Amino acid sequence: MKKLIICLSILFCSTLTTPFHFDHSAHAQQKPIPPYAKWSVLAMDKTKEKYPNAKVVDFLYVGRTRGQQTSTERFKFWLKDNQKEFGVYVNIEFNNETQQVTNVTYQETTR
């Protein structure tokens, strides 16, 4: 009986000092990158260029309008500067084949 207790004690102590290695990535669910991700980064950069004194409070992906030769990704940003808060719709038009941006437009809104 003493030998069993000693063996179990040694086994227990050795497991305490042995580091455990878990593959956390296998347990965490990976969300796929949405197709509009690269356009949202561009929209954010362009909005900061156009409104350098405003802070981006929030943004929303509105959607894509697909045409034969070009498509448009639409985002809504909520901005705050020293005097007011306001929304800005940002439209990024790009060539479907080359992914080259052809036009960026902005439309301010109160809500």
N, C-alpha and C. Protein backbone atom coordinates (compact mmCIF):
# COMPACT_ATOMS: atom_id res chain seq x y z
N MET A 1 0.81 -1.18 0.00
CA MET A 1 0.00 0.00 0.00
C MET A 1 0.87 1.26 0.00
N LYS A 2 1.97 1.20 0.80
CA LYS A 2 2.88 2.33 0.84
C LYS A 2 3.49 2.59 -0.54
N LYS A 3 3.83 1.52 -1.23
CA LYS A 3 4.42 1.65 -2.56
C LYS A 3 3.43 2.31 -3.52
N LEU A 4 2.16 1.96 -3.44
CA LEU A 4 1.13 2.54 -4.29
C LEU A 4 0.98 4.04 -4.03
N ILE A 5 0.98 4.42 -2.78
CA ILE A 5 0.85 5.83 -2.40
C ILE A 5 2.08 6.60 -2.88
N ILE A 6 3.25 6.03 -2.74
CA ILE A 6 4.49 6.69 -3.19
C ILE A 6 4.47 6.85 -4.71
N CYS A 7 4.07 5.79 -5.41
CA CYS A 7 4.02 5.87 -6.88
C CYS A 7 3.02 6.92 -7.34
N LEU A 8 1.86 6.94 -6.73
CA LEU A 8 0.84 7.94 -7.09
C LEU A 8 1.32 9.35 -6.76
N SER A 9 2.01 9.52 -5.65
CA SER A 9 2.55 10.83 -5.27
C SER A 9 3.58 11.31 -6.29
N ILE A 10 4.46 10.40 -6.69
CA ILE A 10 5.49 10.75 -7.68
C ILE A 10 4.83 11.11 -9.01
N LEU A 11 3.88 10.32 -9.41
CA LEU A 11 3.16 10.58 -10.66
C LEU A 11 2.44 11.92 -10.61
N PHE A 12 1.77 12.18 -9.50
CA PHE A 12 1.03 13.43 -9.34
C PHE A 12 1.98 14.63 -9.37
N CYS A 13 3.08 14.54 -8.64
CA CYS A 13 4.05 15.64 -8.59
C CYS A 13 4.70 15.88 -9.95
N SER A 14 4.96 14.81 -10.69
CA SER A 14 5.59 14.98 -11.99
C SER A 14 4.65 15.65 -12.99
N THR A 15 3.34 15.42 -12.85
CA THR A 15 2.40 16.08 -13.76
C THR A 15 2.25 17.55 -13.41
N LEU A 16 2.48 17.91 -12.17
CA LEU A 16 2.40 19.32 -11.79
C LEU A 16 3.56 20.13 -12.35
N THR A 17 4.72 19.51 -12.47
CA THR A 17 5.89 20.23 -12.96
C THR A 17 6.02 20.18 -14.47
N THR A 18 5.27 19.32 -15.13
CA THR A 18 5.33 19.21 -16.59
C THR A 18 4.38 20.24 -17.20
N PRO A 19 4.89 21.14 -18.03
CA PRO A 19 3.99 22.13 -18.63
C PRO A 19 3.03 21.47 -19.63
N PHE A 20 1.82 21.98 -19.64
CA PHE A 20 0.83 21.48 -20.58
C PHE A 20 0.88 22.35 -21.83
N HIS A 21 0.76 21.74 -22.95
CA HIS A 21 0.75 22.46 -24.22
C HIS A 21 -0.60 22.26 -24.89
N PHE A 22 -1.34 23.33 -24.96
CA PHE A 22 -2.64 23.28 -25.61
C PHE A 22 -2.56 24.03 -26.93
N ASP A 23 -3.22 23.53 -27.88
CA ASP A 23 -3.34 24.23 -29.16
C ASP A 23 -4.61 25.06 -29.10
N HIS A 24 -4.45 26.33 -28.65
CA HIS A 24 -5.61 27.20 -28.48
C HIS A 24 -6.31 27.50 -29.80
N SER A 25 -5.57 27.50 -30.88
CA SER A 25 -6.17 27.81 -32.17
C SER A 25 -7.15 26.74 -32.61
N ALA A 26 -6.94 25.52 -32.16
CA ALA A 26 -7.85 24.44 -32.53
C ALA A 26 -9.18 24.59 -31.81
N HIS A 27 -9.15 25.20 -30.63
CA HIS A 27 -10.37 25.35 -29.85
C HIS A 27 -11.12 26.63 -30.19
N ALA A 28 -10.43 27.65 -30.60
CA ALA A 28 -11.07 28.90 -30.95
C ALA A 28 -11.61 28.82 -32.37
N GLN A 29 -12.81 29.31 -32.54
CA GLN A 29 -13.38 29.30 -33.88
C GLN A 29 -12.83 30.48 -34.66
N GLN A 30 -12.32 30.20 -35.84
CA GLN A 30 -11.77 31.24 -36.70
C GLN A 30 -12.90 31.79 -37.57
N LYS A 31 -13.09 33.10 -37.50
CA LYS A 31 -14.09 33.72 -38.36
C LYS A 31 -13.45 34.01 -39.70
N PRO A 32 -14.14 33.71 -40.79
CA PRO A 32 -13.57 34.00 -42.10
C PRO A 32 -13.51 35.52 -42.32
N ILE A 33 -12.51 35.94 -43.07
CA ILE A 33 -12.37 37.36 -43.39
C ILE A 33 -13.41 37.71 -44.44
N PRO A 34 -14.23 38.72 -44.17
CA PRO A 34 -15.27 39.07 -45.14
C PRO A 34 -14.67 39.65 -46.41
N PRO A 35 -15.36 39.50 -47.54
CA PRO A 35 -14.81 39.99 -48.81
C PRO A 35 -14.66 41.51 -48.87
N TYR A 36 -15.37 42.23 -48.02
CA TYR A 36 -15.29 43.69 -48.04
C TYR A 36 -14.20 44.23 -47.11
N ALA A 37 -13.45 43.37 -46.46
CA ALA A 37 -12.46 43.81 -45.46
C ALA A 37 -11.45 44.80 -46.02
N LYS A 38 -10.88 44.48 -47.19
CA LYS A 38 -9.86 45.39 -47.74
C LYS A 38 -10.47 46.73 -48.12
N TRP A 39 -11.75 46.72 -48.53
CA TRP A 39 -12.41 47.97 -48.89
C TRP A 39 -12.73 48.80 -47.64
N SER A 40 -13.00 48.14 -46.53
CA SER A 40 -13.28 48.89 -45.30
C SER A 40 -12.04 49.61 -44.81
N VAL A 41 -10.87 49.00 -44.97
CA VAL A 41 -9.62 49.65 -44.59
C VAL A 41 -9.40 50.88 -45.46
N LEU A 42 -9.63 50.73 -46.76
CA LEU A 42 -9.47 51.87 -47.67
C LEU A 42 -10.48 52.97 -47.34
N ALA A 43 -11.72 52.58 -47.07
CA ALA A 43 -12.75 53.57 -46.73
C ALA A 43 -12.37 54.33 -45.46
N MET A 44 -11.83 53.63 -44.48
CA MET A 44 -11.39 54.26 -43.23
C MET A 44 -10.26 55.24 -43.51
N ASP A 45 -9.28 54.83 -44.29
CA ASP A 45 -8.15 55.71 -44.62
C ASP A 45 -8.62 56.96 -45.37
N LYS A 46 -9.49 56.78 -46.36
CA LYS A 46 -9.98 57.91 -47.15
C LYS A 46 -10.81 58.86 -46.30
N THR A 47 -11.58 58.30 -45.37
CA THR A 47 -12.40 59.14 -44.49
C THR A 47 -11.51 59.97 -43.57
N LYS A 48 -10.46 59.36 -43.05
CA LYS A 48 -9.53 60.09 -42.19
C LYS A 48 -8.79 61.18 -42.96
N GLU A 49 -8.52 60.93 -44.25
CA GLU A 49 -7.88 61.96 -45.10
C GLU A 49 -8.83 63.13 -45.31
N LYS A 50 -10.08 62.83 -45.60
CA LYS A 50 -11.07 63.88 -45.90
C LYS A 50 -11.47 64.67 -44.65
N TYR A 51 -11.52 63.99 -43.50
CA TYR A 51 -11.92 64.62 -42.24
C TYR A 51 -10.81 64.42 -41.20
N PRO A 52 -9.68 65.09 -41.37
CA PRO A 52 -8.51 64.83 -40.51
C PRO A 52 -8.72 65.23 -39.05
N ASN A 53 -9.63 66.16 -38.77
CA ASN A 53 -9.85 66.61 -37.39
C ASN A 53 -10.96 65.84 -36.68
N ALA A 54 -11.60 64.92 -37.37
CA ALA A 54 -12.70 64.17 -36.79
C ALA A 54 -12.22 62.79 -36.33
N LYS A 55 -12.86 62.31 -35.31
CA LYS A 55 -12.56 60.98 -34.78
C LYS A 55 -13.65 60.02 -35.26
N VAL A 56 -13.24 58.86 -35.75
CA VAL A 56 -14.21 57.85 -36.18
C VAL A 56 -14.74 57.17 -34.93
N VAL A 57 -16.04 57.31 -34.70
CA VAL A 57 -16.68 56.74 -33.53
C VAL A 57 -17.18 55.33 -33.82
N ASP A 58 -17.72 55.13 -35.03
CA ASP A 58 -18.29 53.84 -35.39
C ASP A 58 -18.36 53.75 -36.90
N PHE A 59 -18.51 52.52 -37.41
CA PHE A 59 -18.75 52.37 -38.84
C PHE A 59 -19.58 51.13 -39.09
N LEU A 60 -20.24 51.15 -40.25
CA LEU A 60 -21.14 50.08 -40.63
C LEU A 60 -20.91 49.73 -42.09
N TYR A 61 -20.84 48.45 -42.39
CA TYR A 61 -20.80 48.02 -43.78
C TYR A 61 -22.24 47.98 -44.28
N VAL A 62 -22.54 48.77 -45.31
CA VAL A 62 -23.90 48.86 -45.83
C VAL A 62 -24.15 47.78 -46.87
N GLY A 63 -23.20 47.58 -47.78
CA GLY A 63 -23.37 46.53 -48.78
C GLY A 63 -22.66 46.84 -50.08
N ARG A 64 -22.83 45.91 -51.03
CA ARG A 64 -22.20 46.03 -52.34
C ARG A 64 -23.27 46.10 -53.42
N THR A 65 -23.03 47.00 -54.36
CA THR A 65 -23.84 47.06 -55.57
C THR A 65 -22.94 46.60 -56.71
N ARG A 66 -23.34 45.52 -57.37
CA ARG A 66 -22.50 44.94 -58.42
C ARG A 66 -23.04 45.31 -59.78
N GLY A 67 -22.16 45.88 -60.62
CA GLY A 67 -22.49 46.20 -62.00
C GLY A 67 -21.73 45.29 -62.94
N GLN A 68 -21.91 45.49 -64.22
CA GLN A 68 -21.21 44.64 -65.20
C GLN A 68 -19.71 44.87 -65.21
N GLN A 69 -19.30 46.13 -65.15
CA GLN A 69 -17.87 46.43 -65.20
C GLN A 69 -17.31 46.93 -63.88
N THR A 70 -18.14 47.61 -63.10
CA THR A 70 -17.69 48.12 -61.81
C THR A 70 -18.67 47.71 -60.71
N SER A 71 -18.17 47.72 -59.50
CA SER A 71 -18.99 47.47 -58.32
C SER A 71 -18.72 48.59 -57.32
N THR A 72 -19.65 48.78 -56.38
CA THR A 72 -19.49 49.81 -55.37
C THR A 72 -19.72 49.21 -53.99
N GLU A 73 -18.73 49.41 -53.12
CA GLU A 73 -18.86 49.03 -51.71
C GLU A 73 -19.28 50.29 -50.96
N ARG A 74 -20.28 50.14 -50.07
CA ARG A 74 -20.84 51.30 -49.36
C ARG A 74 -20.67 51.10 -47.85
N PHE A 75 -20.16 52.14 -47.20
CA PHE A 75 -19.95 52.13 -45.75
C PHE A 75 -20.56 53.39 -45.16
N LYS A 76 -20.94 53.30 -43.89
CA LYS A 76 -21.39 54.50 -43.17
C LYS A 76 -20.48 54.66 -41.95
N PHE A 77 -19.88 55.83 -41.85
CA PHE A 77 -19.03 56.17 -40.72
C PHE A 77 -19.74 57.19 -39.85
N TRP A 78 -19.55 57.07 -38.55
CA TRP A 78 -20.05 58.06 -37.61
C TRP A 78 -18.84 58.78 -37.06
N LEU A 79 -18.79 60.10 -37.28
CA LEU A 79 -17.62 60.92 -36.93
C LEU A 79 -17.98 61.93 -35.86
N LYS A 80 -16.96 62.33 -35.11
CA LYS A 80 -17.14 63.35 -34.09
C LYS A 80 -15.94 64.29 -34.16
N ASP A 81 -16.25 65.59 -34.31
CA ASP A 81 -15.17 66.57 -34.21
C ASP A 81 -15.49 67.47 -33.02
N ASN A 82 -14.81 68.59 -32.91
CA ASN A 82 -14.98 69.45 -31.73
C ASN A 82 -16.39 70.00 -31.58
N GLN A 83 -17.07 70.24 -32.70
CA GLN A 83 -18.36 70.91 -32.63
C GLN A 83 -19.57 70.01 -32.83
N LYS A 84 -19.43 68.89 -33.53
CA LYS A 84 -20.62 68.11 -33.86
C LYS A 84 -20.29 66.64 -34.11
N GLU A 85 -21.36 65.84 -34.13
CA GLU A 85 -21.28 64.46 -34.57
C GLU A 85 -22.09 64.35 -35.85
N PHE A 86 -21.60 63.55 -36.79
CA PHE A 86 -22.30 63.43 -38.06
C PHE A 86 -21.92 62.12 -38.74
N GLY A 87 -22.76 61.72 -39.66
CA GLY A 87 -22.51 60.50 -40.42
C GLY A 87 -21.98 60.83 -41.80
N VAL A 88 -21.23 59.90 -42.36
CA VAL A 88 -20.72 60.04 -43.72
C VAL A 88 -20.85 58.69 -44.41
N TYR A 89 -21.56 58.69 -45.54
CA TYR A 89 -21.59 57.50 -46.39
C TYR A 89 -20.39 57.58 -47.33
N VAL A 90 -19.62 56.51 -47.38
CA VAL A 90 -18.45 56.45 -48.26
C VAL A 90 -18.71 55.34 -49.28
N ASN A 91 -18.64 55.72 -50.55
CA ASN A 91 -18.83 54.76 -51.64
C ASN A 91 -17.50 54.57 -52.36
N ILE A 92 -17.08 53.32 -52.46
CA ILE A 92 -15.84 53.01 -53.18
C ILE A 92 -16.22 52.20 -54.41
N GLU A 93 -16.03 52.81 -55.57
CA GLU A 93 -16.31 52.15 -56.83
C GLU A 93 -15.01 51.58 -57.38
N PHE A 94 -15.06 50.34 -57.86
CA PHE A 94 -13.86 49.70 -58.36
C PHE A 94 -14.18 48.81 -59.56
N ASN A 95 -13.16 48.58 -60.38
CA ASN A 95 -13.27 47.73 -61.56
C ASN A 95 -13.35 46.27 -61.10
N ASN A 96 -14.34 45.55 -61.62
CA ASN A 96 -14.54 44.16 -61.20
C ASN A 96 -13.36 43.25 -61.54
N GLU A 97 -12.74 43.47 -62.67
CA GLU A 97 -11.64 42.60 -63.10
C GLU A 97 -10.31 42.94 -62.44
N THR A 98 -9.97 44.22 -62.42
CA THR A 98 -8.65 44.63 -61.92
C THR A 98 -8.65 45.01 -60.44
N GLN A 99 -9.84 45.20 -59.86
CA GLN A 99 -9.97 45.65 -58.47
C GLN A 99 -9.41 47.05 -58.26
N GLN A 100 -9.18 47.77 -59.36
CA GLN A 100 -8.66 49.14 -59.30
C GLN A 100 -9.79 50.09 -58.91
N VAL A 101 -9.53 50.98 -57.95
CA VAL A 101 -10.52 51.95 -57.52
C VAL A 101 -10.69 53.00 -58.62
N THR A 102 -11.95 53.24 -58.99
CA THR A 102 -12.23 54.24 -60.02
C THR A 102 -12.81 55.53 -59.45
N ASN A 103 -13.45 55.44 -58.26
CA ASN A 103 -14.07 56.63 -57.70
C ASN A 103 -14.36 56.42 -56.22
N VAL A 104 -14.17 57.47 -55.43
CA VAL A 104 -14.55 57.46 -54.02
C VAL A 104 -15.41 58.69 -53.79
N THR A 105 -16.62 58.50 -53.27
CA THR A 105 -17.51 59.63 -53.00
C THR A 105 -17.93 59.62 -51.54
N TYR A 106 -18.31 60.81 -51.05
CA TYR A 106 -18.71 60.99 -49.66
C TYR A 106 -20.05 61.72 -49.63
N GLN A 107 -20.91 61.33 -48.72
CA GLN A 107 -22.20 62.01 -48.55
C GLN A 107 -22.46 62.14 -47.05
N GLU A 108 -22.44 63.36 -46.56
CA GLU A 108 -22.67 63.59 -45.14
C GLU A 108 -24.16 63.46 -44.82
N THR A 109 -24.44 63.01 -43.59
CA THR A 109 -25.81 62.82 -43.14
C THR A 109 -25.89 63.14 -41.64
N THR A 110 -27.07 63.55 -41.20
CA THR A 110 -27.23 63.85 -39.77
C THR A 110 -27.54 62.61 -38.97
N ARG A 111 -28.11 61.61 -39.58
CA ARG A 111 -28.40 60.34 -38.90
C ARG A 111 -28.17 59.19 -39.79
